[in-house]
Amino acid sequence: MLYNLFQEVIIIQAEISSDLIRGHIDTIILSLLCEKDSYGYEIIKSIQDKSDQLYTLKEPSLYTSLKRLEKAGNITSYWGDETQGGRRKYYSITPEGKAVYEKYVEEWKIAKEIISKLIERG
């Protein structure tokens, strides 16, 4: 019984997390690409690892964001030179993308502060 309750709490938290995170996917991707160039599956794995497996970005959401970021000039893509397996499309952040990332981080800090003030009691 306790285990079932625990599972329900995790499911509710996951749904809430997804809703809260959805509007920040571009920022999360840009953050990862600031560290190093990466390909789709690696980005998904990095997000899972950094969230301690509490959030999984779905492939359609990832590739929609990557296309949007590339169209805006925030990232570029290139094909890797893998000798084994299929070729991977790598994504790299541009100088414009780094500036956009910094802007998004500042906006997040302000939004987080405002939301905290609005929902904290006392």
PDB file of N, CA and C in Angstrom:
ATOM      1  N   MET A   1       0.826  -1.196   0.000  1.00  0.00           N
ATOM      2  CA  MET A   1       0.000   0.000   0.000  1.00  0.00           C
ATOM      3  C   MET A   1       0.872   1.262   0.000  1.00  0.00           C
ATOM      4  N   LEU A   2       1.875   1.295   0.877  1.00  0.00           N
ATOM      5  CA  LEU A   2       2.774   2.441   0.935  1.00  0.00           C
ATOM      6  C   LEU A   2       3.531   2.594  -0.383  1.00  0.00           C
ATOM      7  N   TYR A   3       3.929   1.470  -0.967  1.00  0.00           N
ATOM      8  CA  TYR A   3       4.644   1.493  -2.240  1.00  0.00           C
ATOM      9  C   TYR A   3       3.771   2.108  -3.335  1.00  0.00           C
ATOM     10  N   ASN A   4       2.481   1.730  -3.375  1.00  0.00           N
ATOM     11  CA  ASN A   4       1.558   2.285  -4.374  1.00  0.00           C
ATOM     12  C   ASN A   4       1.393   3.791  -4.198  1.00  0.00           C
ATOM     13  N   LEU A   5       1.315   4.237  -2.959  1.00  0.00           N
ATOM     14  CA  LEU A   5       1.208   5.663  -2.680  1.00  0.00           C
ATOM     15  C   LEU A   5       2.465   6.386  -3.163  1.00  0.00           C
ATOM     16  N   PHE A   6       3.618   5.785  -2.891  1.00  0.00           N
ATOM     17  CA  PHE A   6       4.890   6.352  -3.323  1.00  0.00           C
ATOM     18  C   PHE A   6       4.929   6.472  -4.847  1.00  0.00           C
ATOM     19  N   GLN A   7       4.467   5.434  -5.552  1.00  0.00           N
ATOM     20  CA  GLN A   7       4.432   5.465  -7.013  1.00  0.00           C
ATOM     21  C   GLN A   7       3.521   6.583  -7.511  1.00  0.00           C
ATOM     22  N   GLU A   8       2.369   6.756  -6.878  1.00  0.00           N
ATOM     23  CA  GLU A   8       1.440   7.806  -7.279  1.00  0.00           C
ATOM     24  C   GLU A   8       2.057   9.184  -7.085  1.00  0.00           C
ATOM     25  N   VAL A   9       2.760   9.385  -5.988  1.00  0.00           N
ATOM     26  CA  VAL A   9       3.419  10.665  -5.726  1.00  0.00           C
ATOM     27  C   VAL A   9       4.462  10.937  -6.798  1.00  0.00           C
ATOM     28  N   ILE A  10       5.235   9.931  -7.161  1.00  0.00           N
ATOM     29  CA  ILE A  10       6.255  10.100  -8.199  1.00  0.00           C
ATOM     30  C   ILE A  10       5.605  10.455  -9.534  1.00  0.00           C
ATOM     31  N   ILE A  11       4.507   9.788  -9.874  1.00  0.00           N
ATOM     32  CA  ILE A  11       3.814  10.076 -11.129  1.00  0.00           C
ATOM     33  C   ILE A  11       3.294  11.511 -11.129  1.00  0.00           C
ATOM     34  N   ILE A  12       2.701  11.952 -10.035  1.00  0.00           N
ATOM     35  CA  ILE A  12       2.199  13.327  -9.935  1.00  0.00           C
ATOM     36  C   ILE A  12       3.353  14.310 -10.061  1.00  0.00           C
ATOM     37  N   GLN A  13       4.473  14.039  -9.364  1.00  0.00           N
ATOM     38  CA  GLN A  13       5.633  14.922  -9.451  1.00  0.00           C
ATOM     39  C   GLN A  13       6.163  14.972 -10.874  1.00  0.00           C
ATOM     40  N   ALA A  14       6.194  13.833 -11.555  1.00  0.00           N
ATOM     41  CA  ALA A  14       6.693  13.793 -12.926  1.00  0.00           C
ATOM     42  C   ALA A  14       5.811  14.626 -13.848  1.00  0.00           C
ATOM     43  N   GLU A  15       4.491  14.537 -13.665  1.00  0.00           N
ATOM     44  CA  GLU A  15       3.584  15.328 -14.490  1.00  0.00           C
ATOM     45  C   GLU A  15       3.765  16.817 -14.227  1.00  0.00           C
ATOM     46  N   ILE A  16       3.900  17.184 -12.961  1.00  0.00           N
ATOM     47  CA  ILE A  16       4.115  18.587 -12.612  1.00  0.00           C
ATOM     48  C   ILE A  16       5.447  19.058 -13.186  1.00  0.00           C
ATOM     49  N   SER A  17       6.486  18.258 -13.019  1.00  0.00           N
ATOM     50  CA  SER A  17       7.800  18.614 -13.539  1.00  0.00           C
ATOM     51  C   SER A  17       7.750  18.839 -15.037  1.00  0.00           C
ATOM     52  N   SER A  18       7.066  17.956 -15.758  1.00  0.00           N
ATOM     53  CA  SER A  18       6.976  18.091 -17.208  1.00  0.00           C
ATOM     54  C   SER A  18       6.330  19.408 -17.590  1.00  0.00           C
ATOM     55  N   ASP A  19       5.251  19.770 -16.918  1.00  0.00           N
ATOM     56  CA  ASP A  19       4.578  21.028 -17.217  1.00  0.00           C
ATOM     57  C   ASP A  19       5.477  22.227 -16.923  1.00  0.00           C
ATOM     58  N   LEU A  20       6.175  22.186 -15.805  1.00  0.00           N
ATOM     59  CA  LEU A  20       7.049  23.296 -15.432  1.00  0.00           C
ATOM     60  C   LEU A  20       8.269  23.389 -16.342  1.00  0.00           C
ATOM     61  N   ILE A  21       8.773  22.260 -16.756  1.00  0.00           N
ATOM     62  CA  ILE A  21      10.006  22.217 -17.540  1.00  0.00           C
ATOM     63  C   ILE A  21       9.758  22.531 -19.011  1.00  0.00           C
ATOM     64  N   ARG A  22       8.598  22.195 -19.509  1.00  0.00           N
ATOM     65  CA  ARG A  22       8.294  22.304 -20.939  1.00  0.00           C
ATOM     66  C   ARG A  22       8.679  23.662 -21.524  1.00  0.00           C
ATOM     67  N   GLY A  23       8.433  24.731 -20.828  1.00  0.00           N
ATOM     68  CA  GLY A  23       8.740  26.063 -21.338  1.00  0.00           C
ATOM     69  C   GLY A  23      10.213  26.432 -21.285  1.00  0.00           C
ATOM     70  N   HIS A  24      11.029  25.529 -20.757  1.00  0.00           N
ATOM     71  CA  HIS A  24      12.454  25.832 -20.599  1.00  0.00           C
ATOM     72  C   HIS A  24      13.354  24.846 -21.334  1.00  0.00           C
ATOM     73  N   ILE A  25      12.766  24.084 -22.246  1.00  0.00           N
ATOM     74  CA  ILE A  25      13.539  23.067 -22.963  1.00  0.00           C
ATOM     75  C   ILE A  25      14.668  23.703 -23.765  1.00  0.00           C
ATOM     76  N   ASP A  26      14.395  24.812 -24.457  1.00  0.00           N
ATOM     77  CA  ASP A  26      15.447  25.467 -25.239  1.00  0.00           C
ATOM     78  C   ASP A  26      16.615  25.874 -24.341  1.00  0.00           C
ATOM     79  N   THR A  27      16.304  26.434 -23.189  1.00  0.00           N
ATOM     80  CA  THR A  27      17.354  26.854 -22.250  1.00  0.00           C
ATOM     81  C   THR A  27      18.176  25.661 -21.786  1.00  0.00           C
ATOM     82  N   ILE A  28      17.511  24.559 -21.487  1.00  0.00           N
ATOM     83  CA  ILE A  28      18.201  23.350 -21.028  1.00  0.00           C
ATOM     84  C   ILE A  28      19.126  22.827 -22.120  1.00  0.00           C
ATOM     85  N   ILE A  29      18.640  22.777 -23.351  1.00  0.00           N
ATOM     86  CA  ILE A  29      19.461  22.294 -24.466  1.00  0.00           C
ATOM     87  C   ILE A  29      20.653  23.218 -24.682  1.00  0.00           C
ATOM     88  N   LEU A  30      20.417  24.527 -24.678  1.00  0.00           N
ATOM     89  CA  LEU A  30      21.524  25.473 -24.857  1.00  0.00           C
ATOM     90  C   LEU A  30      22.559  25.315 -23.747  1.00  0.00           C
ATOM     91  N   SER A  31      22.099  25.081 -22.532  1.00  0.00           N
ATOM     92  CA  SER A  31      23.010  24.875 -21.408  1.00  0.00           C
ATOM     93  C   SER A  31      23.927  23.681 -21.660  1.00  0.00           C
ATOM     94  N   LEU A  32      23.347  22.579 -22.116  1.00  0.00           N
ATOM     95  CA  LEU A  32      24.151  21.386 -22.402  1.00  0.00           C
ATOM     96  C   LEU A  32      25.135  21.634 -23.538  1.00  0.00           C
ATOM     97  N   LEU A  33      24.695  22.375 -24.554  1.00  0.00           N
ATOM     98  CA  LEU A  33      25.573  22.640 -25.689  1.00  0.00           C
ATOM     99  C   LEU A  33      26.660  23.659 -25.352  1.00  0.00           C
ATOM    100  N   CYS A  34      26.477  24.432 -24.282  1.00  0.00           N
ATOM    101  CA  CYS A  34      27.561  25.306 -23.804  1.00  0.00           C
ATOM    102  C   CYS A  34      28.729  24.462 -23.300  1.00  0.00           C
ATOM    103  N   GLU A  35      28.420  23.277 -22.781  1.00  0.00           N
ATOM    104  CA  GLU A  35      29.452  22.388 -22.252  1.00  0.00           C
ATOM    105  C   GLU A  35      30.217  21.691 -23.363  1.00  0.00           C
ATOM    106  N   LYS A  36      29.484  21.194 -24.380  1.00  0.00           N
ATOM    107  CA  LYS A  36      30.133  20.491 -25.494  1.00  0.00           C
ATOM    108  C   LYS A  36      29.117  20.236 -26.592  1.00  0.00           C
ATOM    109  N   ASP A  37      29.612  20.002 -27.807  1.00  0.00           N
ATOM    110  CA  ASP A  37      28.741  19.603 -28.902  1.00  0.00           C
ATOM    111  C   ASP A  37      28.130  18.254 -28.555  1.00  0.00           C
ATOM    112  N   SER A  38      26.925  18.013 -29.035  1.00  0.00           N
ATOM    113  CA  SER A  38      26.240  16.785 -28.656  1.00  0.00           C
ATOM    114  C   SER A  38      25.250  16.377 -29.732  1.00  0.00           C
ATOM    115  N   TYR A  39      24.848  15.117 -29.705  1.00  0.00           N
ATOM    116  CA  TYR A  39      23.846  14.595 -30.637  1.00  0.00           C
ATOM    117  C   TYR A  39      22.578  14.249 -29.856  1.00  0.00           C
ATOM    118  N   GLY A  40      21.489  14.001 -30.568  1.00  0.00           N
ATOM    119  CA  GLY A  40      20.174  13.844 -29.963  1.00  0.00           C
ATOM    120  C   GLY A  40      20.092  12.914 -28.774  1.00  0.00           C
ATOM    121  N   TYR A  41      20.477  11.653 -28.967  1.00  0.00           N
ATOM    122  CA  TYR A  41      20.360  10.681 -27.878  1.00  0.00           C
ATOM    123  C   TYR A  41      21.208  11.097 -26.675  1.00  0.00           C
ATOM    124  N   GLU A  42      22.376  11.655 -26.941  1.00  0.00           N
ATOM    125  CA  GLU A  42      23.262  12.093 -25.853  1.00  0.00           C
ATOM    126  C   GLU A  42      22.624  13.242 -25.063  1.00  0.00           C
ATOM    127  N   ILE A  43      21.922  14.127 -25.745  1.00  0.00           N
ATOM    128  CA  ILE A  43      21.224  15.226 -25.069  1.00  0.00           C
ATOM    129  C   ILE A  43      20.139  14.667 -24.155  1.00  0.00           C
ATOM    130  N   ILE A  44      19.355  13.723 -24.668  1.00  0.00           N
ATOM    131  CA  ILE A  44      18.301  13.102 -23.860  1.00  0.00           C
ATOM    132  C   ILE A  44      18.896  12.424 -22.636  1.00  0.00           C
ATOM    133  N   LYS A  45      19.982  11.671 -22.823  1.00  0.00           N
ATOM    134  CA  LYS A  45      20.646  10.978 -21.704  1.00  0.00           C
ATOM    135  C   LYS A  45      21.188  11.981 -20.693  1.00  0.00           C
ATOM    136  N   SER A  46      21.788  13.055 -21.151  1.00  0.00           N
ATOM    137  CA  SER A  46      22.338  14.074 -20.248  1.00  0.00           C
ATOM    138  C   SER A  46      21.243  14.698 -19.395  1.00  0.00           C
ATOM    139  N   ILE A  47      20.096  14.964 -20.002  1.00  0.00           N
ATOM    140  CA  ILE A  47      18.976  15.542 -19.258  1.00  0.00           C
ATOM    141  C   ILE A  47      18.481  14.557 -18.205  1.00  0.00           C
ATOM    142  N   GLN A  48      18.366  13.293 -18.577  1.00  0.00           N
ATOM    143  CA  GLN A  48      17.961  12.271 -17.602  1.00  0.00           C
ATOM    144  C   GLN A  48      18.955  12.208 -16.449  1.00  0.00           C
ATOM    145  N   ASP A  49      20.238  12.170 -16.781  1.00  0.00           N
ATOM    146  CA  ASP A  49      21.273  12.062 -15.748  1.00  0.00           C
ATOM    147  C   ASP A  49      21.279  13.281 -14.830  1.00  0.00           C
ATOM    148  N   LYS A  50      21.220  14.478 -15.420  1.00  0.00           N
ATOM    149  CA  LYS A  50      21.261  15.695 -14.602  1.00  0.00           C
ATOM    150  C   LYS A  50      20.019  15.856 -13.733  1.00  0.00           C
ATOM    151  N   SER A  51      18.906  15.251 -14.151  1.00  0.00           N
ATOM    152  CA  SER A  51      17.671  15.336 -13.358  1.00  0.00           C
ATOM    153  C   SER A  51      17.521  14.135 -12.431  1.00  0.00           C
ATOM    154  N   ASP A  52      18.573  13.347 -12.287  1.00  0.00           N
ATOM    155  CA  ASP A  52      18.520  12.128 -11.463  1.00  0.00           C
ATOM    156  C   ASP A  52      17.376  11.217 -11.893  1.00  0.00           C
ATOM    157  N   GLN A  53      17.188  11.108 -13.202  1.00  0.00           N
ATOM    158  CA  GLN A  53      16.173  10.234 -13.815  1.00  0.00           C
ATOM    159  C   GLN A  53      14.735  10.695 -13.530  1.00  0.00           C
ATOM    160  N   LEU A  54      14.543  11.914 -13.040  1.00  0.00           N
ATOM    161  CA  LEU A  54      13.200  12.410 -12.730  1.00  0.00           C
ATOM    162  C   LEU A  54      12.510  13.053 -13.930  1.00  0.00           C
ATOM    163  N   TYR A  55      13.282  13.359 -14.969  1.00  0.00           N
ATOM    164  CA  TYR A  55      12.690  13.965 -16.156  1.00  0.00           C
ATOM    165  C   TYR A  55      13.311  13.349 -17.395  1.00  0.00           C
ATOM    166  N   THR A  56      12.460  12.982 -18.341  1.00  0.00           N
ATOM    167  CA  THR A  56      12.920  12.463 -19.626  1.00  0.00           C
ATOM    168  C   THR A  56      12.327  13.325 -20.727  1.00  0.00           C
ATOM    169  N   LEU A  57      13.190  13.917 -21.509  1.00  0.00           N
ATOM    170  CA  LEU A  57      12.739  14.707 -22.650  1.00  0.00           C
ATOM    171  C   LEU A  57      12.416  13.743 -23.783  1.00  0.00           C
ATOM    172  N   LYS A  58      11.223  13.848 -24.313  1.00  0.00           N
ATOM    173  CA  LYS A  58      10.793  12.974 -25.404  1.00  0.00           C
ATOM    174  C   LYS A  58      11.446  13.425 -26.716  1.00  0.00           C
ATOM    175  N   GLU A  59      11.742  12.449 -27.577  1.00  0.00           N
ATOM    176  CA  GLU A  59      12.401  12.751 -28.850  1.00  0.00           C
ATOM    177  C   GLU A  59      11.680  13.812 -29.676  1.00  0.00           C
ATOM    178  N   PRO A  60      10.352  13.728 -29.849  1.00  0.00           N
ATOM    179  CA  PRO A  60       9.692  14.769 -30.657  1.00  0.00           C
ATOM    180  C   PRO A  60       9.906  16.176 -30.092  1.00  0.00           C
ATOM    181  N   SER A  61       9.862  16.310 -28.773  1.00  0.00           N
ATOM    182  CA  SER A  61      10.096  17.621 -28.148  1.00  0.00           C
ATOM    183  C   SER A  61      11.528  18.076 -28.378  1.00  0.00           C
ATOM    184  N   LEU A  62      12.475  17.152 -28.250  1.00  0.00           N
ATOM    185  CA  LEU A  62      13.885  17.484 -28.469  1.00  0.00           C
ATOM    186  C   LEU A  62      14.096  18.005 -29.883  1.00  0.00           C
ATOM    187  N   TYR A  63      13.647  17.237 -30.868  1.00  0.00           N
ATOM    188  CA  TYR A  63      13.929  17.613 -32.252  1.00  0.00           C
ATOM    189  C   TYR A  63      13.147  18.847 -32.691  1.00  0.00           C
ATOM    190  N   THR A  64      11.991  19.085 -32.114  1.00  0.00           N
ATOM    191  CA  THR A  64      11.265  20.331 -32.376  1.00  0.00           C
ATOM    192  C   THR A  64      12.080  21.514 -31.860  1.00  0.00           C
ATOM    193  N   SER A  65      12.626  21.381 -30.650  1.00  0.00           N
ATOM    194  CA  SER A  65      13.456  22.448 -30.075  1.00  0.00           C
ATOM    195  C   SER A  65      14.727  22.655 -30.889  1.00  0.00           C
ATOM    196  N   LEU A  66      15.379  21.559 -31.260  1.00  0.00           N
ATOM    197  CA  LEU A  66      16.621  21.671 -32.034  1.00  0.00           C
ATOM    198  C   LEU A  66      16.369  22.383 -33.366  1.00  0.00           C
ATOM    199  N   LYS A  67      15.286  22.049 -34.042  1.00  0.00           N
ATOM    200  CA  LYS A  67      14.957  22.716 -35.313  1.00  0.00           C
ATOM    201  C   LYS A  67      14.701  24.202 -35.088  1.00  0.00           C
ATOM    202  N   ARG A  68      13.958  24.523 -34.031  1.00  0.00           N
ATOM    203  CA  ARG A  68      13.646  25.923 -33.717  1.00  0.00           C
ATOM    204  C   ARG A  68      14.935  26.699 -33.410  1.00  0.00           C
ATOM    205  N   LEU A  69      15.804  26.105 -32.595  1.00  0.00           N
ATOM    206  CA  LEU A  69      17.058  26.761 -32.223  1.00  0.00           C
ATOM    207  C   LEU A  69      17.972  26.944 -33.435  1.00  0.00           C
ATOM    208  N   GLU A  70      17.996  25.939 -34.310  1.00  0.00           N
ATOM    209  CA  GLU A  70      18.843  26.039 -35.503  1.00  0.00           C
ATOM    210  C   GLU A  70      18.300  27.098 -36.465  1.00  0.00           C
ATOM    211  N   LYS A  71      17.001  27.122 -36.650  1.00  0.00           N
ATOM    212  CA  LYS A  71      16.380  28.114 -37.538  1.00  0.00           C
ATOM    213  C   LYS A  71      16.642  29.535 -37.045  1.00  0.00           C
ATOM    214  N   ALA A  72      16.677  29.709 -35.717  1.00  0.00           N
ATOM    215  CA  ALA A  72      16.920  31.031 -35.121  1.00  0.00           C
ATOM    216  C   ALA A  72      18.402  31.409 -35.126  1.00  0.00           C
ATOM    217  N   GLY A  73      19.272  30.479 -35.520  1.00  0.00           N
ATOM    218  CA  GLY A  73      20.704  30.767 -35.545  1.00  0.00           C
ATOM    219  C   GLY A  73      21.392  30.584 -34.203  1.00  0.00           C
ATOM    220  N   ASN A  74      20.709  29.948 -33.249  1.00  0.00           N
ATOM    221  CA  ASN A  74      21.295  29.735 -31.922  1.00  0.00           C
ATOM    222  C   ASN A  74      22.190  28.502 -31.858  1.00  0.00           C
ATOM    223  N   ILE A  75      21.966  27.566 -32.770  1.00  0.00           N
ATOM    224  CA  ILE A  75      22.814  26.377 -32.859  1.00  0.00           C
ATOM    225  C   ILE A  75      23.058  26.066 -34.334  1.00  0.00           C
ATOM    226  N   THR A  76      24.091  25.282 -34.584  1.00  0.00           N
ATOM    227  CA  THR A  76      24.347  24.745 -35.919  1.00  0.00           C
ATOM    228  C   THR A  76      24.470  23.238 -35.779  1.00  0.00           C
ATOM    229  N   SER A  77      24.418  22.542 -36.903  1.00  0.00           N
ATOM    230  CA  SER A  77      24.545  21.087 -36.855  1.00  0.00           C
ATOM    231  C   SER A  77      25.557  20.623 -37.894  1.00  0.00           C
ATOM    232  N   TYR A  78      26.124  19.465 -37.636  1.00  0.00           N
ATOM    233  CA  TYR A  78      27.065  18.851 -38.577  1.00  0.00           C
ATOM    234  C   TYR A  78      27.046  17.345 -38.354  1.00  0.00           C
ATOM    235  N   TRP A  79      27.467  16.603 -39.364  1.00  0.00           N
ATOM    236  CA  TRP A  79      27.498  15.150 -39.268  1.00  0.00           C
ATOM    237  C   TRP A  79      28.834  14.697 -38.707  1.00  0.00           C
ATOM    238  N   GLY A  80      28.783  13.775 -37.753  1.00  0.00           N
ATOM    239  CA  GLY A  80      29.989  13.234 -37.141  1.00  0.00           C
ATOM    240  C   GLY A  80      30.693  12.249 -38.059  1.00  0.00           C
ATOM    241  N   ASP A  81      31.906  11.893 -37.677  1.00  0.00           N
ATOM    242  CA  ASP A  81      32.728  10.968 -38.464  1.00  0.00           C
ATOM    243  C   ASP A  81      32.833   9.610 -37.795  1.00  0.00           C
ATOM    244  N   GLU A  82      31.723   9.048 -37.353  1.00  0.00           N
ATOM    245  CA  GLU A  82      31.749   7.758 -36.668  1.00  0.00           C
ATOM    246  C   GLU A  82      32.238   6.671 -37.617  1.00  0.00           C
ATOM    247  N   THR A  83      33.084   5.806 -37.096  1.00  0.00           N
ATOM    248  CA  THR A  83      33.577   4.689 -37.903  1.00  0.00           C
ATOM    249  C   THR A  83      32.712   3.455 -37.722  1.00  0.00           C
ATOM    250  N   GLN A  84      31.969   3.393 -36.629  1.00  0.00           N
ATOM    251  CA  GLN A  84      31.073   2.267 -36.379  1.00  0.00           C
ATOM    252  C   GLN A  84      29.667   2.792 -36.140  1.00  0.00           C
ATOM    253  N   GLY A  85      28.680   2.021 -36.576  1.00  0.00           N
ATOM    254  CA  GLY A  85      27.291   2.430 -36.367  1.00  0.00           C
ATOM    255  C   GLY A  85      26.885   3.520 -37.337  1.00  0.00           C
ATOM    256  N   GLY A  86      25.690   4.050 -37.118  1.00  0.00           N
ATOM    257  CA  GLY A  86      25.171   5.098 -37.991  1.00  0.00           C
ATOM    258  C   GLY A  86      25.817   6.442 -37.720  1.00  0.00           C
ATOM    259  N   ARG A  87      25.743   7.315 -38.708  1.00  0.00           N
ATOM    260  CA  ARG A  87      26.278   8.669 -38.529  1.00  0.00           C
ATOM    261  C   ARG A  87      25.377   9.442 -37.584  1.00  0.00           C
ATOM    262  N   ARG A  88      26.003  10.275 -36.795  1.00  0.00           N
ATOM    263  CA  ARG A  88      25.266  11.089 -35.829  1.00  0.00           C
ATOM    264  C   ARG A  88      25.308  12.548 -36.251  1.00  0.00           C
ATOM    265  N   LYS A  89      24.182  13.209 -36.053  1.00  0.00           N
ATOM    266  CA  LYS A  89      24.121  14.644 -36.308  1.00  0.00           C
ATOM    267  C   LYS A  89      24.405  15.349 -34.991  1.00  0.00           C
ATOM    268  N   TYR A  90      25.489  16.107 -34.964  1.00  0.00           N
ATOM    269  CA  TYR A  90      25.896  16.835 -33.764  1.00  0.00           C
ATOM    270  C   TYR A  90      25.383  18.267 -33.837  1.00  0.00           C
ATOM    271  N   TYR A  91      25.133  18.821 -32.657  1.00  0.00           N
ATOM    272  CA  TYR A  91      24.663  20.193 -32.547  1.00  0.00           C
ATOM    273  C   TYR A  91      25.679  20.995 -31.743  1.00  0.00           C
ATOM    274  N   SER A  92      25.882  22.227 -32.182  1.00  0.00           N
ATOM    275  CA  SER A  92      26.865  23.111 -31.563  1.00  0.00           C
ATOM    276  C   SER A  92      26.221  24.475 -31.332  1.00  0.00           C
ATOM    277  N   ILE A  93      26.507  25.069 -30.190  1.00  0.00           N
ATOM    278  CA  ILE A  93      25.940  26.387 -29.889  1.00  0.00           C
ATOM    279  C   ILE A  93      26.746  27.464 -30.614  1.00  0.00           C
ATOM    280  N   THR A  94      26.066  28.477 -31.100  1.00  0.00           N
ATOM    281  CA  THR A  94      26.714  29.601 -31.775  1.00  0.00           C
ATOM    282  C   THR A  94      26.944  30.726 -30.758  1.00  0.00           C
ATOM    283  N   PRO A  95      27.753  31.727 -31.110  1.00  0.00           N
ATOM    284  CA  PRO A  95      27.898  32.882 -30.210  1.00  0.00           C
ATOM    285  C   PRO A  95      26.542  33.538 -29.907  1.00  0.00           C
ATOM    286  N   GLU A  96      25.673  33.603 -30.916  1.00  0.00           N
ATOM    287  CA  GLU A  96      24.334  34.155 -30.697  1.00  0.00           C
ATOM    288  C   GLU A  96      23.557  33.287 -29.712  1.00  0.00           C
ATOM    289  N   GLY A  97      23.718  31.974 -29.844  1.00  0.00           N
ATOM    290  CA  GLY A  97      23.050  31.038 -28.940  1.00  0.00           C
ATOM    291  C   GLY A  97      23.515  31.202 -27.507  1.00  0.00           C
ATOM    292  N   LYS A  98      24.815  31.470 -27.325  1.00  0.00           N
ATOM    293  CA  LYS A  98      25.339  31.688 -25.970  1.00  0.00           C
ATOM    294  C   LYS A  98      24.726  32.945 -25.358  1.00  0.00           C
ATOM    295  N   ALA A  99      24.581  33.985 -26.173  1.00  0.00           N
ATOM    296  CA  ALA A  99      23.967  35.227 -25.683  1.00  0.00           C
ATOM    297  C   ALA A  99      22.496  34.988 -25.324  1.00  0.00           C
ATOM    298  N   VAL A 100      21.794  34.239 -26.153  1.00  0.00           N
ATOM    299  CA  VAL A 100      20.390  33.914 -25.879  1.00  0.00           C
ATOM    300  C   VAL A 100      20.291  33.084 -24.604  1.00  0.00           C
ATOM    301  N   TYR A 101      21.198  32.120 -24.446  1.00  0.00           N
ATOM    302  CA  TYR A 101      21.209  31.291 -23.236  1.00  0.00           C
ATOM    303  C   TYR A 101      21.369  32.168 -21.990  1.00  0.00           C
ATOM    304  N   GLU A 102      22.324  33.090 -22.005  1.00  0.00           N
ATOM    305  CA  GLU A 102      22.546  33.981 -20.859  1.00  0.00           C
ATOM    306  C   GLU A 102      21.293  34.808 -20.562  1.00  0.00           C
ATOM    307  N   LYS A 103      20.630  35.277 -21.616  1.00  0.00           N
ATOM    308  CA  LYS A 103      19.385  36.047 -21.453  1.00  0.00           C
ATOM    309  C   LYS A 103      18.309  35.178 -20.813  1.00  0.00           C
ATOM    310  N   TYR A 104      18.160  33.935 -21.292  1.00  0.00           N
ATOM    311  CA  TYR A 104      17.160  33.022 -20.727  1.00  0.00           C
ATOM    312  C   TYR A 104      17.435  32.724 -19.258  1.00  0.00           C
ATOM    313  N   VAL A 105      18.706  32.575 -18.905  1.00  0.00           N
ATOM    314  CA  VAL A 105      19.062  32.290 -17.506  1.00  0.00           C
ATOM    315  C   VAL A 105      18.671  33.474 -16.624  1.00  0.00           C
ATOM    316  N   GLU A 106      18.947  34.685 -17.078  1.00  0.00           N
ATOM    317  CA  GLU A 106      18.572  35.869 -16.304  1.00  0.00           C
ATOM    318  C   GLU A 106      17.055  35.970 -16.162  1.00  0.00           C
ATOM    319  N   GLU A 107      16.337  35.695 -17.250  1.00  0.00           N
ATOM    320  CA  GLU A 107      14.871  35.710 -17.188  1.00  0.00           C
ATOM    321  C   GLU A 107      14.362  34.657 -16.206  1.00  0.00           C
ATOM    322  N   TRP A 108      15.000  33.476 -16.205  1.00  0.00           N
ATOM    323  CA  TRP A 108      14.604  32.395 -15.289  1.00  0.00           C
ATOM    324  C   TRP A 108      14.805  32.830 -13.839  1.00  0.00           C
ATOM    325  N   LYS A 109      15.928  33.469 -13.550  1.00  0.00           N
ATOM    326  CA  LYS A 109      16.208  33.909 -12.180  1.00  0.00           C
ATOM    327  C   LYS A 109      15.141  34.893 -11.698  1.00  0.00           C
ATOM    328  N   ILE A 110      14.771  35.823 -12.561  1.00  0.00           N
ATOM    329  CA  ILE A 110      13.749  36.804 -12.200  1.00  0.00           C
ATOM    330  C   ILE A 110      12.400  36.117 -12.002  1.00  0.00           C
ATOM    331  N   ALA A 111      12.030  35.238 -12.935  1.00  0.00           N
ATOM    332  CA  ALA A 111      10.746  34.527 -12.833  1.00  0.00           C
ATOM    333  C   ALA A 111      10.697  33.665 -11.580  1.00  0.00           C
ATOM    334  N   LYS A 112      11.794  32.980 -11.277  1.00  0.00           N
ATOM    335  CA  LYS A 112      11.854  32.123 -10.088  1.00  0.00           C
ATOM    336  C   LYS A 112      11.655  32.951  -8.822  1.00  0.00           C
ATOM    337  N   GLU A 113      12.279  34.119  -8.775  1.00  0.00           N
ATOM    338  CA  GLU A 113      12.144  35.000  -7.611  1.00  0.00           C
ATOM    339  C   GLU A 113      10.706  35.499  -7.463  1.00  0.00           C
ATOM    340  N   ILE A 114      10.102  35.909  -8.567  1.00  0.00           N
ATOM    341  CA  ILE A 114       8.723  36.401  -8.521  1.00  0.00           C
ATOM    342  C   ILE A 114       7.770  35.292  -8.093  1.00  0.00           C
ATOM    343  N   ILE A 115       7.909  34.113  -8.687  1.00  0.00           N
ATOM    344  CA  ILE A 115       7.029  32.990  -8.344  1.00  0.00           C
ATOM    345  C   ILE A 115       7.186  32.622  -6.878  1.00  0.00           C
ATOM    346  N   SER A 116       8.415  32.590  -6.388  1.00  0.00           N
ATOM    347  CA  SER A 116       8.643  32.278  -4.971  1.00  0.00           C
ATOM    348  C   SER A 116       7.925  33.278  -4.073  1.00  0.00           C
ATOM    349  N   LYS A 117       8.014  34.557  -4.409  1.00  0.00           N
ATOM    350  CA  LYS A 117       7.341  35.579  -3.607  1.00  0.00           C
ATOM    351  C   LYS A 117       5.830  35.415  -3.641  1.00  0.00           C
ATOM    352  N   LEU A 118       5.316  35.002  -4.778  1.00  0.00           N
ATOM    353  CA  LEU A 118       3.868  34.884  -4.933  1.00  0.00           C
ATOM    354  C   LEU A 118       3.281  33.648  -4.265  1.00  0.00           C
ATOM    355  N   ILE A 119       4.068  32.585  -4.143  1.00  0.00           N
ATOM    356  CA  ILE A 119       3.489  31.348  -3.602  1.00  0.00           C
ATOM    357  C   ILE A 119       3.914  31.033  -2.177  1.00  0.00           C
ATOM    358  N   GLU A 120       4.954  31.708  -1.675  1.00  0.00           N
ATOM    359  CA  GLU A 120       5.376  31.437  -0.299  1.00  0.00           C
ATOM    360  C   GLU A 120       4.364  32.020   0.670  1.00  0.00           C
ATOM    361  N   ARG A 121       4.177  31.313   1.742  1.00  0.00           N
ATOM    362  CA  ARG A 121       3.221  31.752   2.761  1.00  0.00           C
ATOM    363  C   ARG A 121       3.969  32.408   3.910  1.00  0.00           C
ATOM    364  N   GLY A 122       3.285  33.346   4.538  1.00  0.00           N
ATOM    365  CA  GLY A 122       3.841  33.920   5.756  1.00  0.00           C
ATOM    366  C   GLY A 122       4.421  35.241   5.628  1.00  0.00           C
TER     367      GLY A 122
END
